[in-house]
């Protein structure tokens, strides 16, 4: 429950300095500080991220996210990465499409997804700057990744690695 826009929470909380120890009041205060001078943005973001019981039309919530990214993008480069986009609920997919259409929010949206993204949310790829299809790693490349992660010792003695890949 409440995970449809979890990627927005993952953007808003760190940007505002909101921690798990913050009360809802403290979190809303940090959010207001983040979007200083734009209370409408803060109110809608609080609603979207579960910090408020207020409700707003989806279009206003999308506007608030785009406005936040525009504010953040005024002082730094903003890259939003959403992993496992193939599992995105339709509302999140609509938000991502809305962000991709915006020319007032200097943001790059990067989606990582399985091939099912085309079936579930092909509209996200319409107008995409670039879509890169990656093939599975070869056994040698997978072993190189394992060695880089585990260091010189590699896998424990007796461990086996099985590589499988399915495009279904």
N, C-alpha and C. Protein backbone atom coordinates (compact mmCIF):
# COMPACT_ATOMS: atom_id res chain seq x y z
N UNK A 1 0.85 -1.18 0.00
CA UNK A 1 0.00 0.00 0.00
C UNK A 1 0.88 1.23 0.00
N UNK A 2 0.56 2.18 -0.85
CA UNK A 2 1.27 3.44 -0.86
C UNK A 2 2.61 3.42 -1.57
N UNK A 3 2.87 2.41 -2.39
CA UNK A 3 4.17 2.36 -3.05
C UNK A 3 4.12 2.84 -4.50
N UNK A 4 2.96 3.22 -4.98
CA UNK A 4 2.84 3.65 -6.37
C UNK A 4 3.84 4.74 -6.69
N UNK A 5 3.95 5.72 -5.83
CA UNK A 5 4.88 6.84 -6.07
C UNK A 5 6.08 6.80 -5.14
N UNK A 6 6.46 5.59 -4.72
CA UNK A 6 7.62 5.46 -3.84
C UNK A 6 8.86 6.14 -4.42
N UNK A 7 9.12 6.08 -5.72
CA UNK A 7 10.28 6.81 -6.23
C UNK A 7 10.24 8.31 -5.93
N UNK A 8 9.04 8.89 -5.84
CA UNK A 8 8.94 10.31 -5.49
C UNK A 8 9.38 10.51 -4.04
N UNK A 9 8.98 9.60 -3.15
CA UNK A 9 9.42 9.66 -1.76
C UNK A 9 10.95 9.59 -1.71
N UNK A 10 11.51 8.70 -2.53
CA UNK A 10 12.96 8.53 -2.56
C UNK A 10 13.70 9.75 -3.12
N UNK A 11 13.00 10.60 -3.83
CA UNK A 11 13.57 11.87 -4.31
C UNK A 11 13.39 12.94 -3.25
N UNK A 12 12.17 13.07 -2.74
CA UNK A 12 11.81 14.17 -1.84
C UNK A 12 12.54 14.07 -0.50
N UNK A 13 12.54 12.90 0.11
CA UNK A 13 13.11 12.80 1.46
C UNK A 13 14.58 13.19 1.51
N UNK A 14 15.45 12.63 0.69
CA UNK A 14 16.85 13.06 0.76
C UNK A 14 17.04 14.52 0.37
N UNK A 15 16.31 14.98 -0.63
CA UNK A 15 16.46 16.37 -1.06
C UNK A 15 16.10 17.34 0.06
N UNK A 16 15.07 16.99 0.85
CA UNK A 16 14.62 17.85 1.94
C UNK A 16 15.35 17.56 3.26
N UNK A 17 16.13 16.50 3.28
CA UNK A 17 16.81 16.11 4.51
C UNK A 17 15.88 15.43 5.51
N UNK A 18 14.80 14.85 5.01
CA UNK A 18 13.84 14.16 5.88
C UNK A 18 14.40 12.79 6.24
N UNK A 19 14.37 12.47 7.53
CA UNK A 19 14.86 11.18 7.99
C UNK A 19 13.71 10.38 8.60
N UNK A 20 13.95 9.11 8.83
CA UNK A 20 12.94 8.23 9.43
C UNK A 20 12.59 8.68 10.85
N UNK A 21 13.48 9.41 11.50
CA UNK A 21 13.24 9.87 12.87
C UNK A 21 12.39 11.13 12.93
N UNK A 22 12.17 11.79 11.79
CA UNK A 22 11.39 13.03 11.77
C UNK A 22 9.91 12.75 11.96
N UNK A 23 9.27 13.60 12.75
CA UNK A 23 7.81 13.54 12.85
C UNK A 23 7.23 14.07 11.55
N UNK A 24 5.94 13.85 11.34
CA UNK A 24 5.29 14.37 10.13
C UNK A 24 5.39 15.89 10.09
N UNK A 25 5.23 16.55 11.24
CA UNK A 25 5.35 18.02 11.28
C UNK A 25 6.75 18.46 10.89
N UNK A 26 7.75 17.79 11.44
CA UNK A 26 9.14 18.14 11.12
C UNK A 26 9.43 17.89 9.64
N UNK A 27 8.93 16.79 9.12
CA UNK A 27 9.15 16.47 7.71
C UNK A 27 8.49 17.52 6.82
N UNK A 28 7.26 17.92 7.14
CA UNK A 28 6.58 18.96 6.35
C UNK A 28 7.35 20.27 6.43
N UNK A 29 7.91 20.59 7.59
CA UNK A 29 8.72 21.80 7.74
C UNK A 29 9.94 21.74 6.82
N UNK A 30 10.62 20.62 6.81
CA UNK A 30 11.79 20.47 5.93
C UNK A 30 11.39 20.59 4.47
N UNK A 31 10.24 20.05 4.14
CA UNK A 31 9.73 20.13 2.77
C UNK A 31 9.45 21.58 2.38
N UNK A 32 8.85 22.34 3.31
CA UNK A 32 8.60 23.77 3.03
C UNK A 32 9.90 24.52 2.82
N UNK A 33 10.92 24.20 3.61
CA UNK A 33 12.23 24.84 3.43
C UNK A 33 12.82 24.52 2.07
N UNK A 34 12.65 23.27 1.63
CA UNK A 34 13.20 22.85 0.34
C UNK A 34 12.63 23.66 -0.81
N UNK A 35 11.33 23.93 -0.76
CA UNK A 35 10.66 24.65 -1.85
C UNK A 35 10.29 26.06 -1.40
N UNK A 36 11.18 26.66 -0.63
CA UNK A 36 10.97 28.00 -0.05
C UNK A 36 10.26 28.93 -1.02
N UNK A 37 9.17 29.51 -0.55
CA UNK A 37 8.44 30.45 -1.38
C UNK A 37 7.39 29.82 -2.27
N UNK A 38 7.23 28.51 -2.21
CA UNK A 38 6.25 27.83 -3.06
C UNK A 38 5.41 26.87 -2.21
N UNK A 39 4.54 27.42 -1.36
CA UNK A 39 3.75 26.56 -0.48
C UNK A 39 2.83 25.59 -1.22
N UNK A 40 2.35 25.95 -2.40
CA UNK A 40 1.50 25.04 -3.16
C UNK A 40 2.26 23.77 -3.53
N UNK A 41 3.53 23.93 -3.86
CA UNK A 41 4.37 22.77 -4.20
C UNK A 41 4.55 21.91 -2.95
N UNK A 42 4.88 22.54 -1.83
CA UNK A 42 5.11 21.80 -0.59
C UNK A 42 3.86 21.03 -0.17
N UNK A 43 2.69 21.66 -0.27
CA UNK A 43 1.45 21.00 0.13
C UNK A 43 1.16 19.78 -0.72
N UNK A 44 1.36 19.89 -2.00
CA UNK A 44 1.07 18.77 -2.90
C UNK A 44 2.09 17.65 -2.74
N UNK A 45 3.36 18.02 -2.54
CA UNK A 45 4.37 16.98 -2.32
C UNK A 45 4.13 16.27 -0.99
N UNK A 46 3.70 17.00 0.02
CA UNK A 46 3.38 16.37 1.31
C UNK A 46 2.25 15.37 1.13
N UNK A 47 1.26 15.74 0.35
CA UNK A 47 0.14 14.83 0.08
C UNK A 47 0.62 13.58 -0.67
N UNK A 48 1.42 13.80 -1.68
CA UNK A 48 1.88 12.69 -2.53
C UNK A 48 2.78 11.73 -1.78
N UNK A 49 3.54 12.24 -0.82
CA UNK A 49 4.51 11.40 -0.10
C UNK A 49 4.00 10.90 1.24
N UNK A 50 2.70 11.09 1.50
CA UNK A 50 2.11 10.55 2.71
C UNK A 50 2.33 11.39 3.95
N UNK A 51 2.76 12.64 3.80
CA UNK A 51 2.99 13.51 4.95
C UNK A 51 1.78 14.37 5.27
N UNK A 52 0.73 14.20 4.50
CA UNK A 52 -0.49 14.99 4.68
C UNK A 52 -1.68 14.16 4.23
N UNK A 53 -2.82 14.41 4.85
CA UNK A 53 -4.05 13.74 4.44
C UNK A 53 -4.79 14.50 3.35
N UNK A 54 -4.29 15.65 2.97
CA UNK A 54 -4.93 16.43 1.91
C UNK A 54 -4.87 15.65 0.60
N UNK A 55 -5.84 15.92 -0.26
CA UNK A 55 -5.82 15.26 -1.57
C UNK A 55 -5.95 16.32 -2.65
N UNK A 56 -5.32 16.03 -3.76
CA UNK A 56 -5.29 16.94 -4.90
C UNK A 56 -5.44 16.13 -6.18
N UNK A 57 -5.90 16.79 -7.23
CA UNK A 57 -5.97 16.08 -8.52
C UNK A 57 -4.58 15.62 -8.95
N UNK A 58 -4.56 14.52 -9.66
CA UNK A 58 -3.30 13.95 -10.14
C UNK A 58 -2.48 14.96 -10.92
N UNK A 59 -3.13 15.76 -11.74
CA UNK A 59 -2.40 16.75 -12.54
C UNK A 59 -1.63 17.73 -11.65
N UNK A 60 -2.20 18.09 -10.50
CA UNK A 60 -1.52 19.01 -9.59
C UNK A 60 -0.36 18.33 -8.88
N UNK A 61 -0.51 17.05 -8.57
CA UNK A 61 0.58 16.31 -7.95
C UNK A 61 1.75 16.17 -8.92
N UNK A 62 1.43 15.86 -10.18
CA UNK A 62 2.47 15.76 -11.20
C UNK A 62 3.17 17.10 -11.38
N UNK A 63 2.38 18.18 -11.39
CA UNK A 63 2.96 19.53 -11.52
C UNK A 63 3.94 19.79 -10.38
N UNK A 64 3.57 19.40 -9.15
CA UNK A 64 4.42 19.66 -7.99
C UNK A 64 5.75 18.91 -8.10
N UNK A 65 5.71 17.67 -8.58
CA UNK A 65 6.95 16.91 -8.75
C UNK A 65 7.82 17.59 -9.81
N UNK A 66 7.21 17.97 -10.91
CA UNK A 66 7.97 18.64 -11.98
C UNK A 66 8.54 19.96 -11.47
N UNK A 67 7.76 20.70 -10.69
CA UNK A 67 8.24 21.97 -10.16
C UNK A 67 9.39 21.76 -9.19
N UNK A 68 9.30 20.74 -8.35
CA UNK A 68 10.41 20.42 -7.45
C UNK A 68 11.68 20.14 -8.24
N UNK A 69 11.56 19.31 -9.27
CA UNK A 69 12.74 18.98 -10.07
C UNK A 69 13.30 20.21 -10.77
N UNK A 70 12.42 21.12 -11.20
CA UNK A 70 12.88 22.37 -11.81
C UNK A 70 13.63 23.21 -10.78
N UNK A 71 13.12 23.27 -9.56
CA UNK A 71 13.81 24.03 -8.50
C UNK A 71 15.17 23.42 -8.19
N UNK A 72 15.21 22.10 -8.07
CA UNK A 72 16.49 21.43 -7.81
C UNK A 72 17.45 21.61 -8.98
N UNK A 73 16.91 21.56 -10.19
CA UNK A 73 17.73 21.68 -11.39
C UNK A 73 18.28 23.08 -11.62
N UNK A 74 17.75 24.06 -10.91
CA UNK A 74 18.25 25.43 -11.06
C UNK A 74 19.65 25.58 -10.46
N UNK A 75 20.01 24.70 -9.53
CA UNK A 75 21.30 24.83 -8.87
C UNK A 75 22.23 23.63 -9.04
N UNK A 76 21.73 22.58 -9.67
CA UNK A 76 22.57 21.39 -9.84
C UNK A 76 21.96 20.49 -10.90
N UNK A 77 22.75 19.57 -11.37
CA UNK A 77 22.26 18.59 -12.33
C UNK A 77 21.36 17.59 -11.61
N UNK A 78 20.22 17.30 -12.22
CA UNK A 78 19.28 16.36 -11.60
C UNK A 78 19.11 15.16 -12.53
N UNK A 79 19.40 13.98 -11.99
CA UNK A 79 19.19 12.73 -12.70
C UNK A 79 18.31 11.88 -11.80
N UNK A 80 17.17 11.45 -12.32
CA UNK A 80 16.26 10.59 -11.58
C UNK A 80 16.38 9.20 -12.17
N UNK A 81 16.75 8.24 -11.33
CA UNK A 81 16.85 6.86 -11.78
C UNK A 81 15.75 6.05 -11.12
N UNK A 82 15.01 5.33 -11.93
CA UNK A 82 13.95 4.47 -11.42
C UNK A 82 14.28 3.04 -11.85
N UNK A 83 14.55 2.22 -10.87
CA UNK A 83 14.86 0.81 -11.13
C UNK A 83 13.58 0.00 -11.26
N UNK A 84 13.67 -1.08 -11.99
CA UNK A 84 12.55 -2.02 -12.15
C UNK A 84 11.28 -1.32 -12.64
N UNK A 85 11.45 -0.43 -13.62
CA UNK A 85 10.32 0.35 -14.14
C UNK A 85 9.24 -0.53 -14.75
N UNK A 86 9.57 -1.75 -15.11
CA UNK A 86 8.56 -2.66 -15.66
C UNK A 86 7.48 -2.97 -14.63
N UNK A 87 7.76 -2.78 -13.34
CA UNK A 87 6.76 -3.02 -12.30
C UNK A 87 5.96 -1.76 -11.95
N UNK A 88 6.26 -0.66 -12.59
CA UNK A 88 5.60 0.60 -12.25
C UNK A 88 4.09 0.50 -12.41
N UNK A 89 3.39 1.07 -11.44
CA UNK A 89 1.94 1.19 -11.54
C UNK A 89 1.63 2.22 -12.63
N UNK A 90 0.45 2.16 -13.22
CA UNK A 90 0.10 3.11 -14.28
C UNK A 90 0.28 4.58 -13.88
N UNK A 91 -0.01 4.92 -12.64
CA UNK A 91 0.13 6.31 -12.19
C UNK A 91 1.58 6.75 -12.24
N UNK A 92 2.49 5.91 -11.79
CA UNK A 92 3.91 6.26 -11.86
C UNK A 92 4.36 6.37 -13.30
N UNK A 93 3.90 5.47 -14.15
CA UNK A 93 4.25 5.54 -15.57
C UNK A 93 3.75 6.86 -16.17
N UNK A 94 2.56 7.29 -15.79
CA UNK A 94 2.04 8.58 -16.26
C UNK A 94 2.92 9.73 -15.78
N UNK A 95 3.36 9.67 -14.52
CA UNK A 95 4.22 10.72 -13.99
C UNK A 95 5.54 10.78 -14.76
N UNK A 96 6.13 9.64 -15.02
CA UNK A 96 7.39 9.61 -15.77
C UNK A 96 7.19 10.18 -17.16
N UNK A 97 6.10 9.82 -17.83
CA UNK A 97 5.80 10.37 -19.15
C UNK A 97 5.61 11.88 -19.05
N UNK A 98 4.96 12.35 -18.00
CA UNK A 98 4.75 13.79 -17.78
C UNK A 98 6.10 14.50 -17.62
N UNK A 99 7.00 13.90 -16.88
CA UNK A 99 8.33 14.51 -16.70
C UNK A 99 9.11 14.55 -18.01
N UNK A 100 8.96 13.51 -18.80
CA UNK A 100 9.68 13.45 -20.08
C UNK A 100 9.20 14.53 -21.04
N UNK A 101 7.93 14.93 -20.93
CA UNK A 101 7.37 15.96 -21.81
C UNK A 101 7.78 17.36 -21.39
N UNK A 102 8.20 17.52 -20.15
CA UNK A 102 8.44 18.86 -19.60
C UNK A 102 9.70 19.48 -20.18
N UNK A 103 9.59 20.75 -20.52
CA UNK A 103 10.78 21.47 -20.95
C UNK A 103 11.18 22.50 -19.89
N UNK A 104 10.43 22.58 -18.78
CA UNK A 104 10.75 23.52 -17.72
C UNK A 104 11.49 22.86 -16.55
N UNK A 105 11.69 21.57 -16.61
CA UNK A 105 12.38 20.84 -15.56
C UNK A 105 13.63 20.20 -16.15
N UNK A 106 14.80 20.80 -15.89
CA UNK A 106 16.04 20.25 -16.44
C UNK A 106 16.45 18.97 -15.72
N UNK A 107 15.87 17.87 -16.16
CA UNK A 107 16.09 16.61 -15.49
C UNK A 107 16.27 15.50 -16.51
N UNK A 108 17.12 14.55 -16.17
CA UNK A 108 17.27 13.35 -16.99
C UNK A 108 16.64 12.21 -16.21
N UNK A 109 15.73 11.49 -16.84
CA UNK A 109 15.09 10.35 -16.20
C UNK A 109 15.68 9.09 -16.82
N UNK A 110 16.21 8.23 -15.97
CA UNK A 110 16.82 6.98 -16.41
C UNK A 110 15.99 5.84 -15.82
N UNK A 111 15.50 4.99 -16.68
CA UNK A 111 14.73 3.84 -16.24
C UNK A 111 15.53 2.57 -16.50
N UNK A 112 15.59 1.71 -15.52
CA UNK A 112 16.13 0.38 -15.78
C UNK A 112 14.94 -0.56 -15.68
N UNK A 113 14.87 -1.48 -16.61
CA UNK A 113 13.70 -2.36 -16.66
C UNK A 113 14.00 -3.61 -17.46
N UNK A 114 13.17 -4.58 -17.23
CA UNK A 114 13.21 -5.80 -18.04
C UNK A 114 12.49 -5.52 -19.35
N UNK A 115 12.63 -6.41 -20.31
CA UNK A 115 11.95 -6.19 -21.60
C UNK A 115 10.43 -6.03 -21.50
N UNK A 116 9.85 -6.51 -20.39
CA UNK A 116 8.39 -6.38 -20.23
C UNK A 116 7.93 -4.93 -20.19
N UNK A 117 8.88 -4.00 -19.99
CA UNK A 117 8.50 -2.59 -19.97
C UNK A 117 7.77 -2.20 -21.25
N UNK A 118 8.24 -2.73 -22.36
CA UNK A 118 7.61 -2.41 -23.65
C UNK A 118 6.15 -2.88 -23.68
N UNK A 119 5.88 -4.02 -23.06
CA UNK A 119 4.52 -4.55 -23.05
C UNK A 119 3.63 -3.81 -22.06
N UNK A 120 4.14 -3.54 -20.87
CA UNK A 120 3.32 -2.92 -19.82
C UNK A 120 3.22 -1.41 -19.96
N UNK A 121 4.32 -0.75 -20.36
CA UNK A 121 4.35 0.71 -20.40
C UNK A 121 5.11 1.21 -21.62
N UNK A 122 4.73 0.71 -22.77
CA UNK A 122 5.40 1.12 -24.00
C UNK A 122 5.36 2.62 -24.23
N UNK A 123 4.34 3.31 -23.65
CA UNK A 123 4.23 4.76 -23.82
C UNK A 123 5.42 5.49 -23.21
N UNK A 124 6.09 4.87 -22.26
CA UNK A 124 7.27 5.50 -21.67
C UNK A 124 8.41 5.61 -22.66
N UNK A 125 8.41 4.72 -23.63
CA UNK A 125 9.49 4.73 -24.61
C UNK A 125 9.18 5.63 -25.80
N UNK A 126 7.91 6.05 -25.93
CA UNK A 126 7.54 6.98 -27.00
C UNK A 126 8.20 8.31 -26.70
N UNK A 127 8.96 8.80 -27.64
CA UNK A 127 9.62 10.08 -27.45
C UNK A 127 10.83 10.02 -26.54
N UNK A 128 11.21 8.82 -26.10
CA UNK A 128 12.39 8.70 -25.25
C UNK A 128 13.62 9.12 -26.05
N UNK A 129 14.50 9.81 -25.38
CA UNK A 129 15.73 10.23 -26.05
C UNK A 129 16.51 9.05 -26.56
N UNK A 130 16.59 8.02 -25.74
CA UNK A 130 17.36 6.85 -26.14
C UNK A 130 16.92 5.65 -25.33
N UNK A 131 16.75 4.55 -25.96
CA UNK A 131 16.47 3.29 -25.28
C UNK A 131 17.60 2.34 -25.63
N UNK A 132 18.20 1.75 -24.61
CA UNK A 132 19.32 0.85 -24.81
C UNK A 132 18.92 -0.53 -24.31
N UNK A 133 18.91 -1.49 -25.21
CA UNK A 133 18.62 -2.87 -24.83
C UNK A 133 19.93 -3.57 -24.53
N UNK A 134 20.03 -4.13 -23.34
CA UNK A 134 21.25 -4.82 -22.93
C UNK A 134 21.05 -6.32 -23.01
N UNK A 135 22.02 -7.00 -23.52
CA UNK A 135 22.01 -8.45 -23.56
C UNK A 135 22.60 -8.97 -22.26
N UNK A 136 22.36 -10.21 -21.93
CA UNK A 136 22.93 -10.75 -20.68
C UNK A 136 24.45 -10.78 -20.75
N UNK A 137 25.07 -10.76 -19.57
CA UNK A 137 26.52 -10.85 -19.51
C UNK A 137 26.98 -12.24 -19.93
N UNK A 138 28.13 -12.28 -20.54
CA UNK A 138 28.74 -13.58 -20.83
C UNK A 138 29.22 -14.17 -19.51
N UNK A 139 29.53 -15.45 -19.51
CA UNK A 139 30.03 -16.10 -18.29
C UNK A 139 31.32 -15.41 -17.82
N UNK A 140 32.19 -15.06 -18.76
CA UNK A 140 33.45 -14.40 -18.40
C UNK A 140 33.19 -13.03 -17.77
N UNK A 141 32.26 -12.26 -18.36
CA UNK A 141 31.94 -10.95 -17.80
C UNK A 141 31.28 -11.07 -16.43
N UNK A 142 30.40 -12.07 -16.27
CA UNK A 142 29.76 -12.28 -14.97
C UNK A 142 30.81 -12.64 -13.92
N UNK A 143 31.78 -13.47 -14.30
CA UNK A 143 32.86 -13.82 -13.37
C UNK A 143 33.68 -12.58 -13.00
N UNK A 144 33.88 -11.69 -13.95
CA UNK A 144 34.62 -10.46 -13.70
C UNK A 144 33.85 -9.57 -12.71
N UNK A 145 32.53 -9.49 -12.84
CA UNK A 145 31.71 -8.73 -11.90
C UNK A 145 31.83 -9.35 -10.51
N UNK A 146 31.71 -10.66 -10.43
CA UNK A 146 31.82 -11.35 -9.14
C UNK A 146 33.18 -11.06 -8.51
N UNK A 147 34.25 -11.14 -9.29
CA UNK A 147 35.59 -10.88 -8.77
C UNK A 147 35.72 -9.43 -8.30
N UNK A 148 35.11 -8.50 -9.02
CA UNK A 148 35.17 -7.09 -8.61
C UNK A 148 34.42 -6.85 -7.31
N UNK A 149 33.32 -7.56 -7.11
CA UNK A 149 32.52 -7.39 -5.90
C UNK A 149 33.17 -8.10 -4.71
N UNK A 150 33.64 -9.32 -4.94
CA UNK A 150 34.16 -10.12 -3.83
C UNK A 150 35.65 -9.95 -3.60
N UNK A 151 36.34 -9.30 -4.50
CA UNK A 151 37.77 -9.11 -4.34
C UNK A 151 38.57 -10.28 -4.87
N UNK A 152 39.85 -10.30 -4.52
CA UNK A 152 40.76 -11.31 -5.05
C UNK A 152 40.43 -12.73 -4.61
N UNK A 153 39.75 -12.87 -3.47
CA UNK A 153 39.42 -14.21 -2.98
C UNK A 153 38.35 -14.87 -3.82
N UNK A 154 37.51 -14.08 -4.50
CA UNK A 154 36.46 -14.64 -5.34
C UNK A 154 35.43 -15.39 -4.52
N UNK A 155 34.79 -16.35 -5.15
CA UNK A 155 33.76 -17.15 -4.48
C UNK A 155 34.40 -18.12 -3.50
N UNK A 156 33.66 -18.46 -2.45
CA UNK A 156 34.18 -19.46 -1.50
C UNK A 156 34.43 -20.80 -2.21
N UNK A 157 35.36 -21.56 -1.69
CA UNK A 157 35.68 -22.86 -2.26
C UNK A 157 34.42 -23.72 -2.27
N UNK A 158 34.17 -24.36 -3.39
CA UNK A 158 33.02 -25.25 -3.52
C UNK A 158 31.77 -24.56 -4.03
N UNK A 159 31.77 -23.23 -4.09
CA UNK A 159 30.59 -22.51 -4.60
C UNK A 159 30.52 -22.67 -6.11
N UNK A 160 29.33 -22.75 -6.61
CA UNK A 160 29.15 -22.85 -8.05
C UNK A 160 28.27 -21.70 -8.51
N UNK A 161 28.47 -21.31 -9.73
CA UNK A 161 27.67 -20.23 -10.32
C UNK A 161 26.97 -20.79 -11.54
N UNK A 162 25.68 -20.55 -11.60
CA UNK A 162 24.89 -20.98 -12.74
C UNK A 162 24.33 -19.74 -13.41
N UNK A 163 24.50 -19.63 -14.71
CA UNK A 163 24.01 -18.48 -15.46
C UNK A 163 22.76 -18.90 -16.22
N UNK A 164 21.70 -18.16 -16.01
CA UNK A 164 20.49 -18.42 -16.77
C UNK A 164 20.00 -17.09 -17.34
N UNK A 165 19.30 -17.17 -18.43
CA UNK A 165 18.76 -15.98 -19.06
C UNK A 165 17.50 -16.36 -19.80
N UNK A 166 16.49 -15.57 -19.61
CA UNK A 166 15.24 -15.82 -20.31
C UNK A 166 14.67 -14.50 -20.80
N UNK A 167 14.20 -14.47 -22.02
CA UNK A 167 13.59 -13.25 -22.56
C UNK A 167 12.08 -13.29 -22.40
N UNK A 168 11.56 -14.24 -21.65
CA UNK A 168 10.11 -14.31 -21.45
C UNK A 168 9.71 -13.60 -20.20
